[in-house]
Structure formats: C-alpha cells, structure tokens
N, C-alpha and C. Protein backbone atom coordinates (compact mmCIF):
# COMPACT_ATOMS: atom_id res chain seq x y z
N MET A 1 13.56 -18.07 -16.08
CA MET A 1 12.81 -19.15 -15.44
C MET A 1 11.22 -19.19 -15.81
N ASP A 2 10.79 -18.17 -16.41
CA ASP A 2 9.64 -18.24 -16.83
C ASP A 2 9.62 -18.90 -18.36
N ALA A 3 10.61 -18.94 -19.00
CA ALA A 3 10.85 -19.48 -20.16
C ALA A 3 10.75 -20.87 -20.13
N GLN A 4 10.92 -21.51 -19.15
CA GLN A 4 10.91 -22.68 -18.90
C GLN A 4 9.80 -23.27 -18.44
N LEU A 5 8.74 -22.62 -18.03
CA LEU A 5 7.15 -23.05 -17.84
C LEU A 5 6.33 -23.29 -19.02
N PRO A 6 5.77 -24.40 -19.04
CA PRO A 6 4.66 -24.64 -19.92
C PRO A 6 3.72 -23.48 -20.20
N SER A 7 3.23 -23.31 -21.39
CA SER A 7 2.29 -22.27 -21.75
C SER A 7 1.37 -21.89 -20.84
N ALA A 8 0.42 -22.91 -20.42
CA ALA A 8 -0.70 -22.79 -19.60
C ALA A 8 -0.37 -22.02 -18.20
N LYS A 9 0.88 -22.73 -17.80
CA LYS A 9 1.43 -22.30 -16.31
C LYS A 9 1.70 -21.03 -16.53
N LYS A 10 2.66 -20.58 -17.56
CA LYS A 10 3.07 -19.31 -17.61
C LYS A 10 1.94 -18.20 -17.77
N GLN A 11 0.91 -18.47 -18.31
CA GLN A 11 -0.21 -17.51 -18.55
C GLN A 11 -0.98 -17.29 -16.90
N ALA A 12 -0.83 -18.45 -16.38
CA ALA A 12 -1.52 -18.53 -15.02
C ALA A 12 -0.58 -17.81 -14.14
N VAL A 13 0.72 -17.77 -14.12
CA VAL A 13 1.70 -17.01 -13.48
C VAL A 13 1.63 -15.42 -13.53
N ASP A 14 1.52 -15.54 -14.96
CA ASP A 14 1.64 -13.92 -15.50
C ASP A 14 0.02 -13.09 -14.93
N LYS A 15 -1.02 -13.83 -15.11
CA LYS A 15 -2.18 -13.39 -14.49
C LYS A 15 -2.10 -13.00 -13.24
N GLU A 16 -1.46 -14.16 -12.43
CA GLU A 16 -1.59 -13.80 -10.97
C GLU A 16 -0.65 -12.36 -10.69
N SER A 17 0.54 -12.46 -11.50
CA SER A 17 1.56 -11.05 -11.18
C SER A 17 0.68 -10.08 -11.53
N ASN A 18 -0.13 -9.94 -12.56
CA ASN A 18 -1.20 -8.80 -12.93
C ASN A 18 -1.91 -8.43 -11.96
N GLN A 19 -2.57 -9.53 -11.35
CA GLN A 19 -3.61 -9.20 -10.40
C GLN A 19 -3.08 -8.58 -8.92
N ASN A 20 -1.82 -9.15 -8.75
CA ASN A 20 -1.19 -8.59 -7.47
C ASN A 20 -0.62 -7.26 -7.82
N SER A 21 -0.31 -6.72 -8.95
CA SER A 21 -0.17 -5.40 -9.53
C SER A 21 -1.39 -4.71 -9.21
N ASP A 22 -2.63 -5.29 -9.77
CA ASP A 22 -3.79 -4.44 -9.86
C ASP A 22 -4.17 -4.10 -8.25
N THR A 23 -4.05 -5.06 -7.45
CA THR A 23 -4.34 -4.90 -6.01
C THR A 23 -3.53 -3.96 -5.49
N ASN A 24 -2.26 -3.92 -5.61
CA ASN A 24 -1.20 -2.93 -5.27
C ASN A 24 -1.91 -1.41 -5.52
N THR A 25 -2.27 -1.49 -6.70
CA THR A 25 -2.44 0.05 -7.36
C THR A 25 -3.65 0.39 -6.64
N LEU A 26 -4.73 -0.55 -6.81
CA LEU A 26 -6.10 -0.45 -5.99
C LEU A 26 -5.95 0.18 -4.60
N SER A 27 -4.97 -0.41 -3.74
CA SER A 27 -4.62 0.08 -2.16
C SER A 27 -4.35 1.40 -2.43
N ARG A 28 -3.67 1.83 -3.31
CA ARG A 28 -2.94 3.36 -3.57
C ARG A 28 -4.05 4.16 -3.96
N VAL A 29 -5.22 3.85 -4.51
CA VAL A 29 -5.89 4.84 -5.34
C VAL A 29 -6.85 5.59 -4.06
N LEU A 30 -6.94 6.84 -4.51
CA LEU A 30 -7.32 7.87 -3.47
C LEU A 30 -8.41 8.72 -4.32
N SER A 31 -9.68 8.72 -3.65
CA SER A 31 -10.69 9.68 -4.21
C SER A 31 -10.57 10.83 -3.45
N SER A 32 -10.52 12.07 -4.01
CA SER A 32 -10.44 13.14 -3.31
C SER A 32 -11.53 14.46 -3.97
N VAL A 33 -11.81 15.43 -3.05
CA VAL A 33 -12.13 16.54 -3.55
C VAL A 33 -11.35 17.70 -2.77
N ILE A 34 -10.93 18.37 -3.63
CA ILE A 34 -10.24 19.67 -3.04
C ILE A 34 -10.85 20.98 -3.52
N ALA A 35 -11.12 22.00 -2.49
CA ALA A 35 -11.67 23.11 -2.62
C ALA A 35 -10.89 24.27 -2.06
N ALA A 36 -11.06 25.44 -2.25
CA ALA A 36 -10.59 26.80 -1.76
C ALA A 36 -11.68 27.47 -1.52
N GLY A 37 -11.70 28.43 -0.40
CA GLY A 37 -12.55 29.48 -0.54
C GLY A 37 -12.52 30.62 -0.93
N PRO A 38 -13.29 31.55 -0.77
CA PRO A 38 -14.33 31.58 -0.06
C PRO A 38 -15.55 30.68 -0.26
N TYR A 39 -16.39 30.30 0.85
CA TYR A 39 -17.41 29.45 0.66
C TYR A 39 -18.89 30.13 0.95
N THR A 40 -18.82 31.30 0.80
CA THR A 40 -20.01 32.31 0.71
C THR A 40 -20.15 33.21 -0.58
N THR A 41 -21.33 33.64 -0.84
CA THR A 41 -21.51 34.19 -1.76
C THR A 41 -21.20 35.85 -1.56
N THR A 42 -21.18 36.85 -2.32
CA THR A 42 -20.97 38.19 -1.81
C THR A 42 -21.88 39.11 -1.21
N ASP A 43 -23.10 38.35 -1.56
CA ASP A 43 -24.40 39.19 -1.06
C ASP A 43 -24.90 38.73 0.26
N ASN A 44 -24.34 37.36 1.08
CA ASN A 44 -24.66 37.03 2.14
C ASN A 44 -23.74 36.12 2.81
N LEU A 45 -23.69 35.74 4.13
CA LEU A 45 -22.99 34.80 4.75
C LEU A 45 -23.68 33.82 5.01
N LEU A 46 -24.46 33.06 4.25
CA LEU A 46 -25.51 32.07 4.37
C LEU A 46 -24.45 30.71 4.26
N PHE A 47 -23.33 30.77 3.53
CA PHE A 47 -22.34 29.62 3.11
C PHE A 47 -23.14 28.66 2.21
N GLU A 48 -24.00 29.05 1.39
CA GLU A 48 -24.60 28.30 0.52
C GLU A 48 -23.58 27.40 -0.35
N PRO A 49 -22.44 28.19 -0.97
CA PRO A 49 -21.49 27.26 -1.53
C PRO A 49 -20.83 26.38 -0.82
N LEU A 50 -20.61 26.27 0.40
CA LEU A 50 -20.19 25.34 1.28
C LEU A 50 -21.04 24.11 1.36
N GLN A 51 -22.25 24.31 1.43
CA GLN A 51 -23.53 23.34 1.65
C GLN A 51 -23.42 22.62 0.32
N GLU A 52 -23.54 23.41 -0.85
CA GLU A 52 -23.34 22.62 -2.13
C GLU A 52 -22.19 21.66 -2.30
N LEU A 53 -21.05 22.32 -1.97
CA LEU A 53 -19.83 21.45 -2.09
C LEU A 53 -19.96 20.20 -1.24
N LEU A 54 -20.44 20.38 0.12
CA LEU A 54 -20.32 19.21 0.95
C LEU A 54 -21.69 18.20 0.38
N SER A 55 -22.63 18.61 -0.38
CA SER A 55 -23.63 17.97 -0.85
C SER A 55 -23.01 17.38 -2.08
N TYR A 56 -22.12 17.76 -2.94
CA TYR A 56 -21.40 17.01 -3.98
C TYR A 56 -20.51 16.18 -3.46
N ALA A 57 -19.90 16.27 -2.50
CA ALA A 57 -19.06 15.29 -1.77
C ALA A 57 -19.67 14.19 -1.09
N CYS A 58 -21.11 14.46 -0.63
CA CYS A 58 -21.85 13.10 -0.02
C CYS A 58 -22.15 12.31 -1.45
N ARG A 59 -22.43 12.91 -2.33
CA ARG A 59 -22.58 12.29 -3.69
C ARG A 59 -21.40 11.30 -3.89
N LYS A 60 -20.45 12.06 -4.13
CA LYS A 60 -19.17 11.39 -4.67
C LYS A 60 -18.32 10.50 -3.73
N GLN A 61 -18.82 10.65 -2.39
CA GLN A 61 -18.15 10.01 -1.32
C GLN A 61 -16.56 9.69 -1.37
N PRO A 62 -15.87 11.04 -1.49
CA PRO A 62 -14.39 10.85 -1.35
C PRO A 62 -13.62 10.30 -0.28
N GLN A 63 -12.53 9.83 -0.24
CA GLN A 63 -11.92 9.39 1.04
C GLN A 63 -11.28 10.41 1.58
N LEU A 64 -11.02 11.68 0.68
CA LEU A 64 -10.25 12.87 1.22
C LEU A 64 -10.94 13.95 0.77
N LEU A 65 -11.20 15.00 1.79
CA LEU A 65 -11.93 16.07 1.57
C LEU A 65 -10.77 17.33 1.98
N ILE A 66 -10.35 18.02 1.19
CA ILE A 66 -9.37 19.17 1.53
C ILE A 66 -10.07 20.38 1.21
N LEU A 67 -10.19 21.24 2.49
CA LEU A 67 -10.76 22.57 2.17
C LEU A 67 -9.84 23.66 2.81
N MET A 68 -9.37 24.42 2.00
CA MET A 68 -8.59 25.79 2.16
C MET A 68 -9.40 26.83 2.32
N GLY A 69 -9.17 27.63 3.33
CA GLY A 69 -9.82 28.91 3.60
C GLY A 69 -9.46 29.71 2.28
N PRO A 70 -10.08 31.06 2.64
CA PRO A 70 -10.95 31.39 3.58
C PRO A 70 -12.16 30.96 3.83
N PHE A 71 -12.49 30.75 5.21
CA PHE A 71 -13.73 30.21 5.50
C PHE A 71 -14.74 31.29 5.83
N ILE A 72 -13.94 32.23 6.61
CA ILE A 72 -14.85 33.60 6.97
C ILE A 72 -13.81 34.63 6.47
N ASP A 73 -14.26 35.03 5.25
CA ASP A 73 -13.35 36.05 4.35
C ASP A 73 -13.49 37.19 4.83
N SER A 74 -12.14 37.76 5.34
CA SER A 74 -12.07 39.07 5.73
C SER A 74 -12.36 40.44 4.83
N ASP A 75 -12.38 39.71 3.35
CA ASP A 75 -12.85 40.78 2.25
C ASP A 75 -14.13 40.70 2.15
N HIS A 76 -15.05 39.88 2.81
CA HIS A 76 -16.57 39.87 2.49
C HIS A 76 -16.99 41.39 2.59
N PRO A 77 -17.90 41.80 1.87
CA PRO A 77 -18.61 43.06 2.31
C PRO A 77 -19.06 43.23 3.66
N ASP A 78 -20.13 42.01 3.99
CA ASP A 78 -20.56 42.23 5.37
C ASP A 78 -19.45 42.36 6.46
N ILE A 79 -18.53 41.65 6.37
CA ILE A 79 -17.45 41.62 7.42
C ILE A 79 -16.64 42.79 7.15
N LYS A 80 -16.43 43.32 5.86
CA LYS A 80 -15.71 44.77 6.16
C LYS A 80 -16.48 45.85 6.75
N ARG A 81 -17.88 45.66 6.46
CA ARG A 81 -18.97 46.74 7.10
C ARG A 81 -19.03 46.54 8.43
N GLY A 82 -18.69 45.23 9.04
CA GLY A 82 -18.99 45.19 10.55
C GLY A 82 -20.62 44.70 10.77
N THR A 83 -21.28 44.40 9.74
CA THR A 83 -22.72 44.11 9.92
C THR A 83 -23.11 42.81 10.56
N VAL A 84 -22.17 41.85 11.01
CA VAL A 84 -22.35 40.42 11.27
C VAL A 84 -22.87 40.60 12.87
N ASP A 85 -23.87 39.62 13.13
CA ASP A 85 -24.15 39.85 14.68
C ASP A 85 -24.04 38.96 15.56
N GLN A 86 -22.84 37.98 14.98
CA GLN A 86 -22.30 36.74 15.71
C GLN A 86 -20.76 37.30 15.66
N SER A 87 -19.95 36.47 16.78
CA SER A 87 -18.69 36.48 16.62
C SER A 87 -18.03 35.67 15.65
N PHE A 88 -16.68 36.12 15.00
CA PHE A 88 -16.35 35.15 14.06
C PHE A 88 -16.06 33.74 14.58
N HIS A 89 -15.76 33.47 15.80
CA HIS A 89 -15.57 32.02 16.10
C HIS A 89 -16.81 31.39 16.13
N ASP A 90 -17.96 32.22 16.44
CA ASP A 90 -19.41 31.44 16.32
C ASP A 90 -19.62 31.19 14.93
N ILE A 91 -19.68 31.98 14.34
CA ILE A 91 -19.74 31.76 12.65
C ILE A 91 -18.98 30.47 12.21
N PHE A 92 -17.85 30.60 12.60
CA PHE A 92 -16.89 29.17 12.08
C PHE A 92 -17.47 27.99 12.50
N HIS A 93 -17.78 28.09 14.04
CA HIS A 93 -18.24 26.63 14.60
C HIS A 93 -19.57 26.47 14.44
N PHE A 94 -20.61 27.37 14.08
CA PHE A 94 -21.83 26.93 14.05
C PHE A 94 -22.16 26.90 12.42
N GLU A 95 -21.64 27.66 11.46
CA GLU A 95 -21.95 27.61 10.25
C GLU A 95 -20.95 26.95 9.37
N ILE A 96 -19.97 26.52 9.81
CA ILE A 96 -18.88 25.82 8.83
C ILE A 96 -18.51 24.53 9.79
N LEU A 97 -17.94 24.55 10.86
CA LEU A 97 -17.52 23.34 11.45
C LEU A 97 -18.90 22.48 11.69
N ARG A 98 -19.96 22.98 12.03
CA ARG A 98 -20.88 21.81 12.19
C ARG A 98 -21.26 21.23 11.02
N LYS A 99 -21.47 22.11 9.81
CA LYS A 99 -21.85 21.26 8.68
C LYS A 99 -20.74 20.16 8.14
N ILE A 100 -19.58 20.58 8.46
CA ILE A 100 -18.17 19.60 8.10
C ILE A 100 -18.63 18.34 9.09
N GLN A 101 -18.58 18.70 10.57
CA GLN A 101 -18.84 17.52 11.35
C GLN A 101 -20.20 16.73 10.70
N ASP A 102 -21.32 17.33 10.23
CA ASP A 102 -22.49 16.62 9.81
C ASP A 102 -21.91 15.56 8.57
N PHE A 103 -21.13 16.08 7.79
CA PHE A 103 -20.69 15.75 6.32
C PHE A 103 -20.23 14.31 7.11
N THR A 104 -19.03 14.33 8.11
CA THR A 104 -18.32 13.29 8.33
C THR A 104 -19.01 12.31 9.33
N GLN A 105 -20.06 12.78 9.78
CA GLN A 105 -21.07 11.74 10.39
C GLN A 105 -21.84 10.63 9.39
N TYR A 106 -22.24 11.44 8.48
CA TYR A 106 -22.91 10.78 7.14
C TYR A 106 -22.14 9.86 6.45
N LEU A 107 -21.07 10.30 6.19
CA LEU A 107 -20.02 9.22 5.38
C LEU A 107 -19.29 8.13 6.38
N GLY A 108 -19.47 8.34 7.74
CA GLY A 108 -18.65 7.54 8.44
C GLY A 108 -17.10 7.52 8.15
N ASN A 109 -16.57 6.43 8.78
CA ASN A 109 -15.11 6.37 8.76
C ASN A 109 -14.41 6.36 7.81
N THR A 110 -15.22 6.38 6.38
CA THR A 110 -14.43 6.22 5.06
C THR A 110 -14.00 7.62 4.55
N VAL A 111 -14.35 8.84 5.47
CA VAL A 111 -13.59 10.05 4.94
C VAL A 111 -12.77 10.68 6.03
N CYS A 112 -11.80 11.46 5.48
CA CYS A 112 -10.89 12.58 6.25
C CYS A 112 -10.99 13.67 5.74
N VAL A 113 -11.17 14.63 6.49
CA VAL A 113 -11.37 16.10 6.12
C VAL A 113 -10.35 16.98 6.31
N ILE A 114 -9.51 17.53 5.91
CA ILE A 114 -8.46 18.34 6.32
C ILE A 114 -8.81 19.83 6.18
N LEU A 115 -8.65 20.71 7.14
CA LEU A 115 -8.68 22.04 7.12
C LEU A 115 -7.36 22.85 7.01
N ILE A 116 -7.29 23.61 6.06
CA ILE A 116 -6.19 24.56 6.15
C ILE A 116 -6.65 25.90 6.03
N PRO A 117 -6.09 26.91 6.86
CA PRO A 117 -6.59 28.46 6.97
C PRO A 117 -5.94 29.25 5.70
N SER A 118 -6.49 30.41 5.78
CA SER A 118 -6.18 31.37 4.77
C SER A 118 -5.48 32.55 5.34
N VAL A 119 -4.88 33.25 4.91
CA VAL A 119 -4.45 34.66 5.61
C VAL A 119 -5.62 35.51 5.54
N ARG A 120 -6.71 35.12 4.67
CA ARG A 120 -8.10 36.05 4.75
C ARG A 120 -8.94 35.66 5.53
N ASP A 121 -8.68 34.57 6.60
CA ASP A 121 -9.63 34.21 7.33
C ASP A 121 -9.74 35.21 8.61
N ALA A 122 -10.93 35.85 8.80
CA ALA A 122 -11.18 36.87 10.02
C ALA A 122 -10.96 36.15 11.14
N HIS A 123 -11.19 34.91 11.32
CA HIS A 123 -11.28 34.33 12.99
C HIS A 123 -9.89 33.79 12.99
N HIS A 124 -8.73 33.97 12.16
CA HIS A 124 -7.56 33.18 12.53
C HIS A 124 -6.42 34.05 12.38
N ASP A 125 -5.40 33.54 12.72
CA ASP A 125 -4.07 34.65 12.96
C ASP A 125 -3.64 34.91 11.55
N PHE A 126 -3.44 36.33 11.34
CA PHE A 126 -3.14 36.74 10.30
C PHE A 126 -1.65 37.25 10.12
N VAL A 127 -0.90 35.59 10.02
CA VAL A 127 0.60 35.93 9.85
C VAL A 127 0.59 34.40 8.69
N PHE A 128 1.86 34.61 8.13
CA PHE A 128 2.39 33.73 7.12
C PHE A 128 3.78 33.41 7.42
N PRO A 129 3.90 32.07 7.67
CA PRO A 129 3.17 30.98 7.86
C PRO A 129 1.92 31.02 8.81
N GLN A 130 1.05 30.32 8.67
CA GLN A 130 -0.09 30.24 9.65
C GLN A 130 -0.08 29.00 10.13
N PRO A 131 -0.38 29.03 11.83
CA PRO A 131 -0.72 27.75 12.45
C PRO A 131 -2.04 26.94 11.80
N ALA A 132 -1.97 25.87 12.21
CA ALA A 132 -3.22 25.17 12.24
C ALA A 132 -4.44 25.55 13.07
N PHE A 133 -5.57 25.57 12.60
CA PHE A 133 -6.73 25.76 13.46
C PHE A 133 -6.77 24.99 14.75
N ASP A 134 -7.11 25.74 15.89
CA ASP A 134 -7.26 24.80 17.09
C ASP A 134 -8.62 24.74 17.59
N LEU A 135 -9.02 23.66 17.03
CA LEU A 135 -10.63 23.41 17.37
C LEU A 135 -11.05 22.78 18.59
N ASN A 136 -10.33 22.07 19.11
CA ASN A 136 -10.74 21.19 20.41
C ASN A 136 -12.11 20.31 20.06
N LEU A 137 -11.82 19.32 18.95
CA LEU A 137 -12.89 18.69 18.61
C LEU A 137 -12.92 17.52 19.46
N PRO A 138 -14.31 16.89 19.58
CA PRO A 138 -14.48 15.76 20.24
C PRO A 138 -13.66 14.62 19.95
N GLU A 139 -13.22 13.88 20.74
CA GLU A 139 -12.37 12.79 20.31
C GLU A 139 -12.74 11.90 19.49
N ASP A 140 -14.15 11.60 19.29
CA ASP A 140 -14.68 10.58 18.48
C ASP A 140 -14.78 11.09 16.80
N ILE A 141 -14.15 12.27 16.62
CA ILE A 141 -14.12 12.92 15.34
C ILE A 141 -12.69 13.31 14.89
N THR A 142 -11.78 13.41 15.73
CA THR A 142 -10.70 14.01 15.55
C THR A 142 -9.62 12.92 14.60
N HIS A 143 -9.89 11.74 14.29
CA HIS A 143 -9.49 10.71 13.47
C HIS A 143 -10.02 11.34 12.04
N GLN A 144 -11.02 12.03 11.88
CA GLN A 144 -11.74 12.49 10.50
C GLN A 144 -11.64 13.67 10.38
N ILE A 145 -11.32 14.48 11.26
CA ILE A 145 -11.23 16.13 10.80
C ILE A 145 -9.75 16.55 11.20
N THR A 146 -8.86 16.97 10.41
CA THR A 146 -7.47 17.14 10.83
C THR A 146 -7.20 18.68 10.23
N CYS A 147 -6.40 19.55 11.07
CA CYS A 147 -6.32 20.85 10.91
C CYS A 147 -4.63 20.91 10.50
N LEU A 148 -4.44 21.57 9.37
CA LEU A 148 -2.85 21.56 9.14
C LEU A 148 -2.61 23.18 9.02
N ALA A 149 -1.30 23.38 9.35
CA ALA A 149 -0.73 24.73 9.10
C ALA A 149 -0.99 25.21 7.43
N ASN A 150 -0.86 26.40 7.14
CA ASN A 150 -0.61 27.09 5.79
C ASN A 150 0.65 27.65 5.75
N PRO A 151 1.74 27.20 4.82
CA PRO A 151 1.50 26.03 3.97
C PRO A 151 1.84 24.66 4.67
N SER A 152 1.21 23.60 3.83
CA SER A 152 1.46 22.45 4.75
C SER A 152 1.85 21.26 3.40
N ILE A 153 2.63 20.36 3.80
CA ILE A 153 2.94 19.21 3.01
C ILE A 153 2.44 17.79 3.85
N PHE A 154 1.70 17.01 3.04
CA PHE A 154 1.23 15.48 3.76
C PHE A 154 0.95 14.62 2.93
N SER A 155 0.79 13.52 3.25
CA SER A 155 0.76 12.51 2.35
C SER A 155 -0.64 11.38 2.69
N SER A 156 -1.31 10.92 1.71
CA SER A 156 -2.58 10.03 1.95
C SER A 156 -2.48 8.95 0.91
N LYS A 157 -2.34 7.77 1.35
CA LYS A 157 -2.06 6.70 0.52
C LYS A 157 -0.97 6.78 -0.46
N GLU A 158 -0.02 7.12 0.03
CA GLU A 158 1.37 7.45 -0.89
C GLU A 158 1.37 8.34 -1.59
N ILE A 159 0.16 9.09 -1.70
CA ILE A 159 0.05 10.55 -2.65
C ILE A 159 0.48 11.51 -1.94
N HIS A 160 1.52 12.24 -2.27
CA HIS A 160 1.81 13.50 -1.63
C HIS A 160 1.18 14.93 -2.07
N PHE A 161 0.91 15.77 -0.86
CA PHE A 161 0.13 16.90 -1.37
C PHE A 161 0.97 17.92 -0.84
N GLY A 162 0.87 19.03 -1.48
CA GLY A 162 1.42 20.58 -0.99
C GLY A 162 0.34 21.49 -1.08
N CYS A 163 -0.12 22.34 -0.01
CA CYS A 163 -1.26 23.15 -0.06
C CYS A 163 -0.73 24.55 0.47
N VAL A 164 -0.97 25.58 -0.24
CA VAL A 164 -0.74 26.91 0.53
C VAL A 164 -1.96 27.91 -0.08
N GLN A 165 -2.26 28.72 1.01
CA GLN A 165 -3.20 29.76 0.64
C GLN A 165 -2.74 30.98 0.83
N TRP A 166 -2.42 31.69 -0.30
CA TRP A 166 -1.75 33.12 -0.21
C TRP A 166 -2.24 33.98 -1.05
N THR A 167 -2.99 35.23 -0.61
CA THR A 167 -3.57 36.32 -1.32
C THR A 167 -2.77 37.47 -1.12
N SER A 168 -2.21 37.97 -2.39
CA SER A 168 -1.36 39.09 -2.55
C SER A 168 -2.14 40.42 -2.95
C-alpha cells in the first residue's frame, strides 16, 4: 500500500511511524541507579558512602534507585566488637531510612526506591531466602519506597530485574 502513495505523502507517513516508534521507546526508557552495600567505611558507622550515593542520585535524578544490603553490615568491625551505642533498629531507621526518605522528598514523585536485604544485615532475619523489610512507612511515601525479598524479580517500565544478595 505504501508503494502507491505519492513520494511526499510516503515520507510524511514514514516520519509519523518513526515518531510513534520513538515515543513508544521513550515511554519505556528507565533511568536507574543500582547499588549494593555495605554503605559504611570500615573505620566508622557514619554512612558516608550512603550519603555520597544519595547525593549522586540527587544530581542524576533516576526514576528508580535500587539499594541492596547489607545496610548494617554484621561483618563491620564495630558491629563485631559490639561497640555501637544504638540498637540496630534505631541505626537503620535514623541513619539509613531517614536519609532515603529525605531523598524521596527531595525528588518528589519522580523516583521509586527499592530496598532489598542481605544475609549480612545485622538488623534483619539471617535466613535465605529473606523476607522483605517490614518498615511500617507513612502512607504518603509507600508508593515511593518499596521493600522486596532477597532474592527478588520485579519489573519497571517493561524492564525486568532480578536481584539477589548472597555472601558465601
């Protein structure tokens, strides 16, 4: 049928088809940042690498941020020595989750954060497969922060992800 169209009309139809194809491709484009812990240095539990990662993500403004544990690394020297003065739950909520919530508030509804535990997370079940974190987040951010099990398979914008955190 295209062969019967006049040349100018054929070019217009072809251009329209290419634009529709480009629009479909753009609707499936997904910018993402994917990282795995630990999110501390070996000499302290200040979570400076996590803060640097979130600063990078603020500059890049991904649609999807996937963070895999360990978040509170059971192999960290301070954790092994037992020299921390907060519970693991408090460290996770005040040092990690609060920073992630600030990040999502800064970027607004354009970002989704996925948290996946590790068997080395000191504050989570030491089993494999692992259940997702149970965070009891405020309802206004539950659409932005999602917790998945370890391992997990999920999709975003027709892109499929498989994530697993295992240390032997």
